[in-house]
């Protein structure tokens, strides 16, 4: 309580979460086993229920507790960007995208719809794909933007490999979405590719 969020190493923080699911038991071995399997606290939270269940000692109570903490982290990060200017709060937006997507095992494509003041009015996962591909339909992005009366859009997707370098397919789909939105007078502000530890902005790289 005195030291704040950074006062505990990953395994101790995970122990506290596990203790709520398995009271009156030494959960240190399980915490360390999870960290060995998934790498760190964040990857443990983001692991699928099926993968978590493969670790000896992990039952439904542990999985539920981890998923509750994961959901809370996502909502906290989301609250930092909802109904606020995304352009002036860019760091908060990037943090939100990292929280929501950086540790996913498969590619996920999200579309962030903004109003005239560049405040986030909706964040929708369009598709989930395989480890290296996710289908995206520019017409659907444009149609949804019209439904929401959005004035601008930001695209975001993750690279499970950890390397956020845009692929040729990433560039192609971004250009297609840009054309579809531009025809309707809707601005495509950026496309963020989220890796593990860093992200790449299409606008920052001169790709948009």
N, C-alpha and C. Protein backbone atom coordinates (compact mmCIF):
# COMPACT_ATOMS: atom_id res chain seq x y z
N UNK A 1 0.83 -1.21 0.00
CA UNK A 1 0.00 0.00 0.00
C UNK A 1 0.86 1.26 0.00
N UNK A 2 1.99 1.22 0.69
CA UNK A 2 2.87 2.39 0.76
C UNK A 2 3.67 2.58 -0.51
N UNK A 3 4.12 1.50 -1.12
CA UNK A 3 5.03 1.60 -2.26
C UNK A 3 4.36 1.78 -3.60
N UNK A 4 3.07 1.50 -3.70
CA UNK A 4 2.38 1.64 -4.98
C UNK A 4 2.57 0.44 -5.88
N UNK A 5 2.14 0.60 -7.13
CA UNK A 5 2.09 -0.52 -8.07
C UNK A 5 3.45 -1.11 -8.38
N UNK A 6 4.50 -0.31 -8.30
CA UNK A 6 5.83 -0.79 -8.67
C UNK A 6 6.62 -1.39 -7.51
N UNK A 7 5.98 -1.47 -6.35
CA UNK A 7 6.71 -1.93 -5.17
C UNK A 7 6.95 -3.44 -5.17
N UNK A 8 6.13 -4.18 -5.91
CA UNK A 8 6.22 -5.64 -5.89
C UNK A 8 6.74 -6.18 -7.22
N UNK A 9 7.62 -7.17 -7.19
CA UNK A 9 8.00 -7.84 -8.43
C UNK A 9 6.83 -8.66 -8.96
N UNK A 10 6.93 -9.10 -10.20
CA UNK A 10 5.82 -9.82 -10.84
C UNK A 10 5.34 -11.01 -10.03
N UNK A 11 6.26 -11.82 -9.51
CA UNK A 11 5.82 -13.05 -8.87
C UNK A 11 5.06 -12.76 -7.57
N UNK A 12 5.43 -11.69 -6.86
CA UNK A 12 4.71 -11.35 -5.63
C UNK A 12 3.33 -10.79 -5.93
N UNK A 13 3.23 -9.97 -6.98
CA UNK A 13 1.93 -9.45 -7.36
C UNK A 13 1.02 -10.59 -7.80
N UNK A 14 1.57 -11.52 -8.57
CA UNK A 14 0.79 -12.67 -9.01
C UNK A 14 0.38 -13.54 -7.83
N UNK A 15 1.26 -13.68 -6.85
CA UNK A 15 0.91 -14.42 -5.64
C UNK A 15 -0.32 -13.84 -4.95
N UNK A 16 -0.37 -12.51 -4.85
CA UNK A 16 -1.51 -11.86 -4.20
C UNK A 16 -2.80 -12.13 -4.95
N UNK A 17 -2.73 -12.13 -6.28
CA UNK A 17 -3.92 -12.43 -7.08
C UNK A 17 -4.33 -13.89 -6.89
N UNK A 18 -3.35 -14.79 -6.91
CA UNK A 18 -3.65 -16.22 -6.78
C UNK A 18 -4.20 -16.56 -5.39
N UNK A 19 -3.72 -15.85 -4.38
CA UNK A 19 -4.17 -16.13 -3.02
C UNK A 19 -5.67 -15.90 -2.87
N UNK A 20 -6.21 -14.95 -3.65
CA UNK A 20 -7.65 -14.70 -3.61
C UNK A 20 -8.43 -15.88 -4.19
N UNK A 21 -7.81 -16.57 -5.15
CA UNK A 21 -8.48 -17.70 -5.78
C UNK A 21 -8.24 -19.01 -5.03
N UNK A 22 -7.06 -19.11 -4.37
CA UNK A 22 -6.71 -20.33 -3.63
C UNK A 22 -6.28 -19.93 -2.23
N UNK A 23 -7.19 -19.57 -1.36
CA UNK A 23 -6.81 -19.11 -0.02
C UNK A 23 -6.21 -20.23 0.83
N UNK A 24 -5.42 -19.82 1.82
CA UNK A 24 -4.83 -20.74 2.80
C UNK A 24 -3.94 -21.81 2.15
N UNK A 25 -3.23 -21.40 1.09
CA UNK A 25 -2.30 -22.31 0.45
C UNK A 25 -1.10 -21.52 -0.04
N UNK A 26 0.07 -22.13 -0.01
CA UNK A 26 1.26 -21.47 -0.54
C UNK A 26 1.17 -21.44 -2.06
N UNK A 27 0.98 -20.24 -2.60
CA UNK A 27 0.79 -20.12 -4.06
C UNK A 27 2.07 -19.67 -4.77
N UNK A 28 3.17 -19.51 -4.02
CA UNK A 28 4.41 -19.07 -4.65
C UNK A 28 4.86 -20.02 -5.76
N UNK A 29 4.86 -21.36 -5.55
CA UNK A 29 5.29 -22.27 -6.64
C UNK A 29 4.43 -22.11 -7.90
N UNK A 30 3.12 -21.92 -7.72
CA UNK A 30 2.24 -21.76 -8.87
C UNK A 30 2.51 -20.44 -9.58
N UNK A 31 2.73 -19.39 -8.79
CA UNK A 31 3.04 -18.08 -9.40
C UNK A 31 4.30 -18.18 -10.24
N UNK A 32 5.32 -18.82 -9.71
CA UNK A 32 6.58 -18.94 -10.45
C UNK A 32 6.42 -19.85 -11.68
N UNK A 33 5.59 -20.89 -11.56
CA UNK A 33 5.35 -21.78 -12.70
C UNK A 33 4.65 -21.03 -13.83
N UNK A 34 3.71 -20.17 -13.48
CA UNK A 34 3.00 -19.38 -14.49
C UNK A 34 3.94 -18.40 -15.18
N UNK A 35 4.81 -17.78 -14.41
CA UNK A 35 5.75 -16.81 -14.99
C UNK A 35 6.78 -17.50 -15.88
N UNK A 36 7.19 -18.72 -15.50
CA UNK A 36 8.12 -19.48 -16.36
C UNK A 36 7.42 -19.83 -17.68
N UNK A 37 6.15 -20.20 -17.57
CA UNK A 37 5.41 -20.61 -18.78
C UNK A 37 5.11 -19.44 -19.71
N UNK A 38 4.68 -18.30 -19.13
CA UNK A 38 4.18 -17.20 -19.96
C UNK A 38 5.11 -15.98 -20.03
N UNK A 39 6.13 -15.93 -19.18
CA UNK A 39 7.15 -14.89 -19.33
C UNK A 39 7.08 -13.75 -18.34
N UNK A 40 5.88 -13.20 -18.12
CA UNK A 40 5.75 -12.10 -17.16
C UNK A 40 4.30 -11.98 -16.71
N UNK A 41 4.05 -11.02 -15.85
CA UNK A 41 2.71 -10.84 -15.28
C UNK A 41 1.68 -10.55 -16.37
N UNK A 42 2.03 -9.64 -17.29
CA UNK A 42 1.09 -9.25 -18.33
C UNK A 42 0.72 -10.40 -19.25
N UNK A 43 1.72 -11.17 -19.67
CA UNK A 43 1.44 -12.31 -20.54
C UNK A 43 0.63 -13.39 -19.83
N UNK A 44 0.82 -13.51 -18.52
CA UNK A 44 0.03 -14.47 -17.75
C UNK A 44 -1.43 -14.06 -17.75
N UNK A 45 -1.70 -12.79 -17.51
CA UNK A 45 -3.08 -12.30 -17.52
C UNK A 45 -3.72 -12.49 -18.88
N UNK A 46 -2.95 -12.27 -19.94
CA UNK A 46 -3.49 -12.29 -21.30
C UNK A 46 -3.61 -13.69 -21.89
N UNK A 47 -3.01 -14.68 -21.24
CA UNK A 47 -3.06 -16.04 -21.77
C UNK A 47 -4.50 -16.54 -21.83
N UNK A 48 -4.79 -17.35 -22.82
CA UNK A 48 -6.15 -17.88 -22.97
C UNK A 48 -6.46 -18.86 -21.84
N UNK A 49 -7.74 -19.00 -21.49
CA UNK A 49 -8.11 -19.98 -20.45
C UNK A 49 -7.59 -21.38 -20.75
N UNK A 50 -7.60 -21.78 -22.03
CA UNK A 50 -7.14 -23.12 -22.38
C UNK A 50 -5.65 -23.29 -22.07
N UNK A 51 -4.85 -22.25 -22.39
CA UNK A 51 -3.41 -22.34 -22.12
C UNK A 51 -3.13 -22.27 -20.62
N UNK A 52 -3.88 -21.45 -19.90
CA UNK A 52 -3.70 -21.38 -18.44
C UNK A 52 -4.00 -22.74 -17.81
N UNK A 53 -5.04 -23.40 -18.29
CA UNK A 53 -5.46 -24.68 -17.71
C UNK A 53 -4.42 -25.78 -17.90
N UNK A 54 -3.49 -25.57 -18.83
CA UNK A 54 -2.43 -26.56 -19.05
C UNK A 54 -1.41 -26.58 -17.93
N UNK A 55 -1.38 -25.51 -17.12
CA UNK A 55 -0.42 -25.42 -16.01
C UNK A 55 -0.99 -26.15 -14.80
N UNK A 56 -0.22 -27.08 -14.27
CA UNK A 56 -0.68 -27.87 -13.12
C UNK A 56 -0.99 -26.95 -11.95
N UNK A 57 -2.16 -27.14 -11.35
CA UNK A 57 -2.57 -26.32 -10.21
C UNK A 57 -3.51 -25.20 -10.58
N UNK A 58 -3.69 -24.97 -11.89
CA UNK A 58 -4.60 -23.91 -12.34
C UNK A 58 -5.97 -24.51 -12.62
N UNK A 59 -6.96 -24.06 -11.83
CA UNK A 59 -8.33 -24.50 -12.04
C UNK A 59 -9.20 -23.33 -12.45
N UNK A 60 -10.50 -23.54 -12.43
CA UNK A 60 -11.43 -22.50 -12.90
C UNK A 60 -11.37 -21.25 -12.02
N UNK A 61 -11.16 -21.42 -10.71
CA UNK A 61 -11.12 -20.25 -9.81
C UNK A 61 -9.92 -19.35 -10.15
N UNK A 62 -8.77 -19.96 -10.44
CA UNK A 62 -7.58 -19.18 -10.79
C UNK A 62 -7.80 -18.47 -12.13
N UNK A 63 -8.33 -19.19 -13.10
CA UNK A 63 -8.57 -18.60 -14.42
C UNK A 63 -9.53 -17.41 -14.30
N UNK A 64 -10.59 -17.58 -13.56
CA UNK A 64 -11.56 -16.49 -13.39
C UNK A 64 -10.93 -15.28 -12.72
N UNK A 65 -10.11 -15.51 -11.71
CA UNK A 65 -9.47 -14.39 -11.00
C UNK A 65 -8.52 -13.63 -11.93
N UNK A 66 -7.74 -14.36 -12.71
CA UNK A 66 -6.81 -13.72 -13.64
C UNK A 66 -7.56 -12.92 -14.70
N UNK A 67 -8.66 -13.46 -15.19
CA UNK A 67 -9.44 -12.77 -16.22
C UNK A 67 -10.16 -11.54 -15.66
N UNK A 68 -10.53 -11.57 -14.39
CA UNK A 68 -11.13 -10.39 -13.76
C UNK A 68 -10.10 -9.27 -13.69
N UNK A 69 -8.87 -9.61 -13.29
CA UNK A 69 -7.81 -8.60 -13.21
C UNK A 69 -7.50 -8.06 -14.61
N UNK A 70 -7.46 -8.94 -15.61
CA UNK A 70 -7.20 -8.50 -16.98
C UNK A 70 -8.29 -7.53 -17.44
N UNK A 71 -9.55 -7.87 -17.18
CA UNK A 71 -10.66 -7.01 -17.59
C UNK A 71 -10.59 -5.66 -16.89
N UNK A 72 -10.21 -5.66 -15.62
CA UNK A 72 -10.09 -4.40 -14.88
C UNK A 72 -9.00 -3.52 -15.48
N UNK A 73 -7.88 -4.13 -15.87
CA UNK A 73 -6.78 -3.37 -16.48
C UNK A 73 -7.23 -2.74 -17.80
N UNK A 74 -7.97 -3.51 -18.61
CA UNK A 74 -8.46 -2.99 -19.88
C UNK A 74 -9.41 -1.81 -19.66
N UNK A 75 -10.31 -1.95 -18.69
CA UNK A 75 -11.29 -0.88 -18.45
C UNK A 75 -10.64 0.38 -17.90
N UNK A 76 -9.64 0.20 -17.08
CA UNK A 76 -8.94 1.36 -16.54
C UNK A 76 -8.25 2.13 -17.65
N UNK A 77 -7.54 1.39 -18.52
CA UNK A 77 -6.85 2.05 -19.64
C UNK A 77 -7.86 2.69 -20.59
N UNK A 78 -8.98 2.04 -20.81
CA UNK A 78 -10.01 2.58 -21.70
C UNK A 78 -10.59 3.88 -21.15
N UNK A 79 -10.80 3.92 -19.83
CA UNK A 79 -11.37 5.12 -19.21
C UNK A 79 -10.48 6.34 -19.38
N UNK A 80 -9.18 6.09 -19.56
CA UNK A 80 -8.25 7.21 -19.73
C UNK A 80 -8.37 7.88 -21.09
N UNK A 81 -9.03 7.20 -22.05
CA UNK A 81 -9.12 7.78 -23.39
C UNK A 81 -10.55 8.05 -23.85
N UNK A 82 -11.54 7.41 -23.24
CA UNK A 82 -12.92 7.61 -23.68
C UNK A 82 -13.36 9.06 -23.45
N UNK A 83 -13.99 9.62 -24.46
CA UNK A 83 -14.58 10.95 -24.42
C UNK A 83 -13.57 12.05 -24.11
N UNK A 84 -12.31 11.78 -24.41
CA UNK A 84 -11.27 12.80 -24.29
C UNK A 84 -10.58 12.94 -25.64
N UNK A 85 -9.93 14.05 -25.85
CA UNK A 85 -9.25 14.26 -27.13
C UNK A 85 -8.10 13.26 -27.27
N UNK A 86 -8.23 12.41 -28.26
CA UNK A 86 -7.19 11.40 -28.48
C UNK A 86 -5.89 12.06 -28.93
N UNK A 87 -6.00 13.13 -29.70
CA UNK A 87 -4.80 13.77 -30.24
C UNK A 87 -3.96 14.39 -29.12
N UNK A 88 -4.61 15.05 -28.16
CA UNK A 88 -3.86 15.65 -27.07
C UNK A 88 -3.45 14.62 -26.02
N UNK A 89 -4.17 13.50 -25.97
CA UNK A 89 -3.84 12.44 -25.01
C UNK A 89 -3.28 11.21 -25.70
N UNK A 90 -2.36 11.45 -26.63
CA UNK A 90 -1.82 10.36 -27.46
C UNK A 90 -1.16 9.27 -26.63
N UNK A 91 -0.42 9.66 -25.60
CA UNK A 91 0.27 8.66 -24.77
C UNK A 91 -0.73 7.71 -24.11
N UNK A 92 -1.86 8.27 -23.65
CA UNK A 92 -2.89 7.44 -23.03
C UNK A 92 -3.50 6.47 -24.04
N UNK A 93 -3.66 6.95 -25.28
CA UNK A 93 -4.19 6.08 -26.33
C UNK A 93 -3.25 4.92 -26.60
N UNK A 94 -1.96 5.22 -26.72
CA UNK A 94 -0.98 4.17 -26.99
C UNK A 94 -0.95 3.16 -25.83
N UNK A 95 -1.03 3.67 -24.60
CA UNK A 95 -1.06 2.78 -23.44
C UNK A 95 -2.28 1.88 -23.48
N UNK A 96 -3.41 2.44 -23.86
CA UNK A 96 -4.64 1.65 -23.96
C UNK A 96 -4.49 0.55 -25.01
N UNK A 97 -3.95 0.89 -26.18
CA UNK A 97 -3.76 -0.10 -27.23
C UNK A 97 -2.79 -1.19 -26.79
N UNK A 98 -1.73 -0.80 -26.10
CA UNK A 98 -0.78 -1.80 -25.58
C UNK A 98 -1.49 -2.75 -24.61
N UNK A 99 -2.26 -2.17 -23.69
CA UNK A 99 -2.95 -2.98 -22.68
C UNK A 99 -3.91 -3.96 -23.33
N UNK A 100 -4.62 -3.49 -24.35
CA UNK A 100 -5.65 -4.30 -24.97
C UNK A 100 -5.11 -5.33 -25.95
N UNK A 101 -3.92 -5.06 -26.54
CA UNK A 101 -3.52 -5.87 -27.68
C UNK A 101 -2.12 -6.45 -27.65
N UNK A 102 -1.21 -5.88 -26.89
CA UNK A 102 0.20 -6.23 -27.03
C UNK A 102 0.51 -7.69 -26.73
N UNK A 103 -0.31 -8.32 -25.88
CA UNK A 103 0.03 -9.68 -25.44
C UNK A 103 -0.85 -10.74 -26.06
N UNK A 104 -1.62 -10.36 -27.09
CA UNK A 104 -2.50 -11.34 -27.73
C UNK A 104 -1.72 -12.39 -28.51
N UNK A 105 -2.24 -13.62 -28.51
CA UNK A 105 -1.57 -14.72 -29.21
C UNK A 105 -1.93 -14.75 -30.69
N UNK A 106 -3.01 -14.06 -31.06
CA UNK A 106 -3.40 -13.96 -32.48
C UNK A 106 -3.58 -12.50 -32.83
N UNK A 107 -3.57 -12.20 -34.13
CA UNK A 107 -3.74 -10.82 -34.56
C UNK A 107 -5.18 -10.37 -34.29
N UNK A 108 -5.28 -9.14 -33.84
CA UNK A 108 -6.58 -8.52 -33.62
C UNK A 108 -6.54 -7.12 -34.25
N UNK A 109 -7.61 -6.77 -34.95
CA UNK A 109 -7.69 -5.49 -35.63
C UNK A 109 -8.79 -4.67 -34.97
N UNK A 110 -8.43 -3.49 -34.47
CA UNK A 110 -9.40 -2.63 -33.81
C UNK A 110 -9.54 -1.32 -34.57
N UNK A 111 -10.73 -0.76 -34.54
CA UNK A 111 -10.99 0.54 -35.16
C UNK A 111 -11.50 1.48 -34.08
N UNK A 112 -10.82 2.62 -33.93
CA UNK A 112 -11.21 3.63 -32.96
C UNK A 112 -11.88 4.77 -33.71
N UNK A 113 -13.15 5.01 -33.38
CA UNK A 113 -13.94 6.03 -34.06
C UNK A 113 -13.97 7.30 -33.21
N UNK A 114 -13.71 8.45 -33.84
CA UNK A 114 -13.59 9.72 -33.14
C UNK A 114 -14.66 10.70 -33.61
N UNK A 115 -15.06 11.60 -32.70
CA UNK A 115 -16.02 12.63 -33.07
C UNK A 115 -15.29 13.87 -33.61
N UNK A 116 -16.02 14.96 -33.78
CA UNK A 116 -15.44 16.17 -34.38
C UNK A 116 -14.35 16.79 -33.50
N UNK A 117 -14.39 16.50 -32.21
CA UNK A 117 -13.38 17.02 -31.30
C UNK A 117 -12.24 16.02 -31.08
N UNK A 118 -12.22 14.98 -31.90
CA UNK A 118 -11.21 13.92 -31.80
C UNK A 118 -11.29 13.16 -30.48
N UNK A 119 -12.49 13.11 -29.89
CA UNK A 119 -12.70 12.30 -28.70
C UNK A 119 -13.18 10.92 -29.13
N UNK A 120 -12.74 9.91 -28.42
CA UNK A 120 -13.08 8.53 -28.76
C UNK A 120 -14.55 8.25 -28.42
N UNK A 121 -15.32 7.86 -29.42
CA UNK A 121 -16.73 7.54 -29.17
C UNK A 121 -16.99 6.03 -29.25
N UNK A 122 -16.10 5.29 -29.88
CA UNK A 122 -16.26 3.83 -29.94
C UNK A 122 -14.93 3.19 -30.29
N UNK A 123 -14.70 2.03 -29.70
CA UNK A 123 -13.51 1.23 -30.00
C UNK A 123 -14.03 -0.18 -30.26
N UNK A 124 -13.91 -0.65 -31.47
CA UNK A 124 -14.51 -1.92 -31.83
C UNK A 124 -13.49 -2.86 -32.45
N UNK A 125 -13.47 -4.09 -31.96
CA UNK A 125 -12.63 -5.12 -32.55
C UNK A 125 -13.33 -5.63 -33.79
N UNK A 126 -12.72 -5.41 -34.96
CA UNK A 126 -13.34 -5.82 -36.21
C UNK A 126 -13.20 -7.31 -36.45
N UNK A 127 -12.01 -7.81 -36.21
CA UNK A 127 -11.74 -9.21 -36.53
C UNK A 127 -10.67 -9.75 -35.59
N UNK A 128 -10.67 -11.07 -35.40
CA UNK A 128 -9.55 -11.77 -34.80
C UNK A 128 -9.09 -12.80 -35.81
N UNK A 129 -7.79 -12.93 -35.98
CA UNK A 129 -7.29 -13.80 -37.03
C UNK A 129 -6.37 -14.89 -36.51
N UNK A 130 -5.36 -15.19 -37.30
CA UNK A 130 -4.37 -16.20 -36.94
C UNK A 130 -3.17 -15.49 -36.34
N UNK A 131 -2.09 -16.22 -36.16
CA UNK A 131 -0.91 -15.61 -35.54
C UNK A 131 -0.27 -14.55 -36.43
N UNK A 132 -0.57 -14.56 -37.73
CA UNK A 132 0.09 -13.58 -38.59
C UNK A 132 -0.85 -12.95 -39.63
N UNK A 133 -2.15 -13.10 -39.46
CA UNK A 133 -3.06 -12.52 -40.45
C UNK A 133 -4.43 -12.29 -39.84
N UNK A 134 -5.03 -11.19 -40.23
CA UNK A 134 -6.41 -10.92 -39.83
C UNK A 134 -7.11 -10.23 -41.00
N UNK A 135 -8.30 -10.73 -41.40
CA UNK A 135 -8.99 -10.10 -42.53
C UNK A 135 -9.66 -8.79 -42.11
N UNK A 136 -9.57 -7.78 -42.96
CA UNK A 136 -10.15 -6.47 -42.68
C UNK A 136 -10.93 -6.03 -43.92
N UNK A 137 -12.12 -5.45 -43.71
CA UNK A 137 -12.98 -5.06 -44.82
C UNK A 137 -13.20 -3.55 -44.77
N UNK A 138 -12.53 -2.81 -45.67
CA UNK A 138 -12.64 -1.34 -45.66
C UNK A 138 -14.07 -0.83 -45.70
N UNK A 139 -14.94 -1.51 -46.48
CA UNK A 139 -16.33 -1.05 -46.57
C UNK A 139 -17.04 -1.12 -45.23
N UNK A 140 -16.71 -2.16 -44.43
CA UNK A 140 -17.33 -2.30 -43.11
C UNK A 140 -16.86 -1.20 -42.16
N UNK A 141 -15.58 -0.85 -42.26
CA UNK A 141 -15.04 0.23 -41.43
C UNK A 141 -15.74 1.53 -41.78
N UNK A 142 -15.88 1.80 -43.08
CA UNK A 142 -16.53 3.03 -43.52
C UNK A 142 -18.01 3.05 -43.15
N UNK A 143 -18.68 1.91 -43.34
CA UNK A 143 -20.11 1.83 -42.99
C UNK A 143 -20.33 2.13 -41.51
N UNK A 144 -19.50 1.54 -40.68
CA UNK A 144 -19.66 1.73 -39.23
C UNK A 144 -19.35 3.17 -38.84
N UNK A 145 -18.38 3.79 -39.50
CA UNK A 145 -18.07 5.20 -39.23
C UNK A 145 -19.28 6.08 -39.51
N UNK A 146 -19.98 5.79 -40.59
CA UNK A 146 -21.19 6.55 -40.92
C UNK A 146 -22.28 6.32 -39.87
N UNK A 147 -22.44 5.08 -39.43
CA UNK A 147 -23.46 4.77 -38.41
C UNK A 147 -23.22 5.54 -37.12
N UNK A 148 -21.94 5.70 -36.77
CA UNK A 148 -21.58 6.37 -35.52
C UNK A 148 -21.43 7.88 -35.68
N UNK A 149 -21.61 8.38 -36.91
CA UNK A 149 -21.37 9.80 -37.22
C UNK A 149 -19.95 10.21 -36.83
N UNK A 150 -19.02 9.31 -37.07
CA UNK A 150 -17.61 9.59 -36.74
C UNK A 150 -17.01 10.53 -37.77
N UNK A 151 -16.14 11.40 -37.30
CA UNK A 151 -15.45 12.34 -38.18
C UNK A 151 -14.03 11.87 -38.52
N UNK A 152 -13.51 10.96 -37.71
CA UNK A 152 -12.15 10.48 -37.92
C UNK A 152 -12.02 9.06 -37.37
N UNK A 153 -10.96 8.40 -37.79
CA UNK A 153 -10.73 7.00 -37.41
C UNK A 153 -9.25 6.79 -37.14
N UNK A 154 -8.94 5.92 -36.19
CA UNK A 154 -7.58 5.42 -35.98
C UNK A 154 -7.65 3.90 -36.03
N UNK A 155 -6.77 3.30 -36.79
CA UNK A 155 -6.69 1.84 -36.87
C UNK A 155 -5.60 1.35 -35.92
N UNK A 156 -5.78 0.16 -35.41
CA UNK A 156 -4.75 -0.44 -34.55
C UNK A 156 -4.82 -1.95 -34.67
N UNK A 157 -3.67 -2.58 -34.79
CA UNK A 157 -3.65 -4.03 -34.71
C UNK A 157 -2.32 -4.47 -34.11
N UNK A 158 -2.29 -5.69 -33.63
CA UNK A 158 -1.10 -6.21 -32.96
C UNK A 158 -0.36 -7.20 -33.85
N UNK A 159 0.91 -7.36 -33.58
CA UNK A 159 1.73 -8.39 -34.21
C UNK A 159 2.17 -9.35 -33.11
N UNK A 160 1.56 -10.53 -33.01
CA UNK A 160 1.94 -11.49 -31.96
C UNK A 160 3.41 -11.87 -31.96
N UNK A 161 4.08 -11.71 -33.11
CA UNK A 161 5.52 -12.03 -33.16
C UNK A 161 6.32 -11.09 -32.28
N UNK A 162 5.73 -9.92 -31.96
CA UNK A 162 6.43 -8.93 -31.15
C UNK A 162 7.08 -7.83 -31.96
N UNK A 163 7.30 -8.07 -33.25
CA UNK A 163 7.93 -7.08 -34.12
C UNK A 163 6.82 -6.25 -34.80
N UNK A 164 6.74 -4.95 -34.50
CA UNK A 164 5.65 -4.15 -35.05
C UNK A 164 5.89 -3.62 -36.47
N UNK A 165 6.97 -4.04 -37.11
CA UNK A 165 7.25 -3.56 -38.46
C UNK A 165 6.08 -3.89 -39.39
N UNK A 166 5.49 -2.88 -40.05
CA UNK A 166 4.34 -3.14 -40.92
C UNK A 166 4.71 -4.04 -42.10
N UNK A 167 3.81 -4.96 -42.41
CA UNK A 167 4.00 -5.83 -43.57
C UNK A 167 3.43 -5.14 -44.81
N UNK A 168 3.71 -5.72 -45.97
CA UNK A 168 3.14 -5.19 -47.21
C UNK A 168 1.62 -5.23 -47.16
N UNK A 169 1.06 -6.30 -46.54
CA UNK A 169 -0.39 -6.40 -46.41
C UNK A 169 -0.94 -5.31 -45.49
N UNK A 170 -0.19 -4.97 -44.45
CA UNK A 170 -0.61 -3.89 -43.55
C UNK A 170 -0.72 -2.57 -44.31
N UNK A 171 0.29 -2.31 -45.14
CA UNK A 171 0.30 -1.06 -45.92
C UNK A 171 -0.86 -1.05 -46.91
N UNK A 172 -1.09 -2.18 -47.55
CA UNK A 172 -2.15 -2.26 -48.56
C UNK A 172 -3.53 -2.03 -47.94
N UNK A 173 -3.81 -2.68 -46.80
CA UNK A 173 -5.13 -2.54 -46.20
C UNK A 173 -5.32 -1.13 -45.66
N UNK A 174 -4.26 -0.52 -45.16
CA UNK A 174 -4.35 0.86 -44.66
C UNK A 174 -4.72 1.80 -45.79
N UNK A 175 -4.10 1.62 -46.93
CA UNK A 175 -4.41 2.47 -48.08
C UNK A 175 -5.84 2.26 -48.55
N UNK A 176 -6.32 1.01 -48.49
CA UNK A 176 -7.69 0.72 -48.91
C UNK A 176 -8.70 1.37 -47.96
N UNK A 177 -8.44 1.28 -46.65
CA UNK A 177 -9.33 1.91 -45.68
C UNK A 177 -9.29 3.43 -45.84
N UNK A 178 -8.10 3.96 -46.09
CA UNK A 178 -7.94 5.40 -46.29
C UNK A 178 -8.78 5.88 -47.46
N UNK A 179 -8.75 5.13 -48.56
CA UNK A 179 -9.54 5.51 -49.74
C UNK A 179 -11.04 5.46 -49.45
N UNK A 180 -11.47 4.41 -48.75
CA UNK A 180 -12.89 4.26 -48.44
C UNK A 180 -13.39 5.38 -47.54
N UNK A 181 -12.59 5.77 -46.55
CA UNK A 181 -12.98 6.84 -45.64
C UNK A 181 -12.91 8.20 -46.32
N UNK A 182 -11.86 8.40 -47.09
CA UNK A 182 -11.67 9.69 -47.75
C UNK A 182 -12.83 10.02 -48.68
N UNK A 183 -13.38 9.01 -49.31
CA UNK A 183 -14.52 9.22 -50.21
C UNK A 183 -15.74 9.74 -49.46
N UNK A 184 -15.78 9.50 -48.15
CA UNK A 184 -16.90 9.94 -47.33
C UNK A 184 -16.57 11.18 -46.51
N UNK A 185 -15.38 11.73 -46.70
CA UNK A 185 -14.98 12.91 -45.94
C UNK A 185 -14.58 12.61 -44.51
N UNK A 186 -14.18 11.37 -44.25
CA UNK A 186 -13.78 10.95 -42.90
C UNK A 186 -12.26 10.80 -42.88
N UNK A 187 -11.62 11.34 -41.86
CA UNK A 187 -10.16 11.37 -41.78
C UNK A 187 -9.62 10.08 -41.15
N UNK A 188 -8.59 9.53 -41.75
CA UNK A 188 -7.84 8.44 -41.13
C UNK A 188 -6.60 9.05 -40.49
N UNK A 189 -6.62 9.20 -39.16
CA UNK A 189 -5.52 9.87 -38.47
C UNK A 189 -4.24 9.04 -38.47
N UNK A 190 -4.38 7.73 -38.24
CA UNK A 190 -3.17 6.92 -38.08
C UNK A 190 -3.53 5.45 -38.08
N UNK A 191 -2.52 4.62 -38.19
CA UNK A 191 -2.64 3.18 -38.01
C UNK A 191 -1.48 2.77 -37.10
N UNK A 192 -1.81 2.24 -35.94
CA UNK A 192 -0.80 1.80 -34.97
C UNK A 192 -0.62 0.30 -35.07
N UNK A 193 0.62 -0.13 -35.16
CA UNK A 193 0.94 -1.56 -35.10
C UNK A 193 1.61 -1.80 -33.75
N UNK A 194 0.98 -2.64 -32.94
CA UNK A 194 1.42 -2.86 -31.57
C UNK A 194 2.25 -4.14 -31.48
N UNK A 195 3.49 -4.00 -31.03
CA UNK A 195 4.33 -5.16 -30.79
C UNK A 195 4.54 -5.35 -29.30
N UNK A 196 5.50 -6.14 -28.95
CA UNK A 196 5.81 -6.35 -27.54
C UNK A 196 6.94 -5.39 -27.16
N UNK A 197 6.57 -4.35 -26.43
CA UNK A 197 7.58 -3.40 -25.97
C UNK A 197 7.67 -2.14 -26.80
N UNK A 198 7.15 -2.15 -28.03
CA UNK A 198 7.15 -0.94 -28.83
C UNK A 198 6.04 -1.00 -29.87
N UNK A 199 5.76 0.12 -30.48
CA UNK A 199 4.72 0.20 -31.49
C UNK A 199 5.21 1.11 -32.62
N UNK A 200 4.57 0.98 -33.76
CA UNK A 200 4.92 1.81 -34.91
C UNK A 200 3.67 2.54 -35.39
N UNK A 201 3.85 3.83 -35.66
CA UNK A 201 2.78 4.68 -36.18
C UNK A 201 2.99 4.85 -37.68
N UNK A 202 1.96 4.53 -38.46
CA UNK A 202 2.06 4.75 -39.91
C UNK A 202 2.33 6.20 -40.23
N UNK A 203 1.66 7.11 -39.51
CA UNK A 203 1.86 8.54 -39.76
C UNK A 203 3.29 8.93 -39.41
N UNK A 204 3.77 8.43 -38.27
CA UNK A 204 5.13 8.75 -37.86
C UNK A 204 6.19 8.23 -38.81
N UNK A 205 5.88 7.10 -39.48
CA UNK A 205 6.83 6.50 -40.41
C UNK A 205 6.67 7.03 -41.83
N UNK A 206 5.73 7.96 -42.02
CA UNK A 206 5.51 8.51 -43.36
C UNK A 206 4.76 7.57 -44.29
N UNK A 207 4.04 6.59 -43.72
CA UNK A 207 3.30 5.62 -44.53
C UNK A 207 1.86 6.04 -44.75
N UNK A 208 1.48 7.16 -44.15
CA UNK A 208 0.10 7.62 -44.25
C UNK A 208 0.08 9.14 -44.44
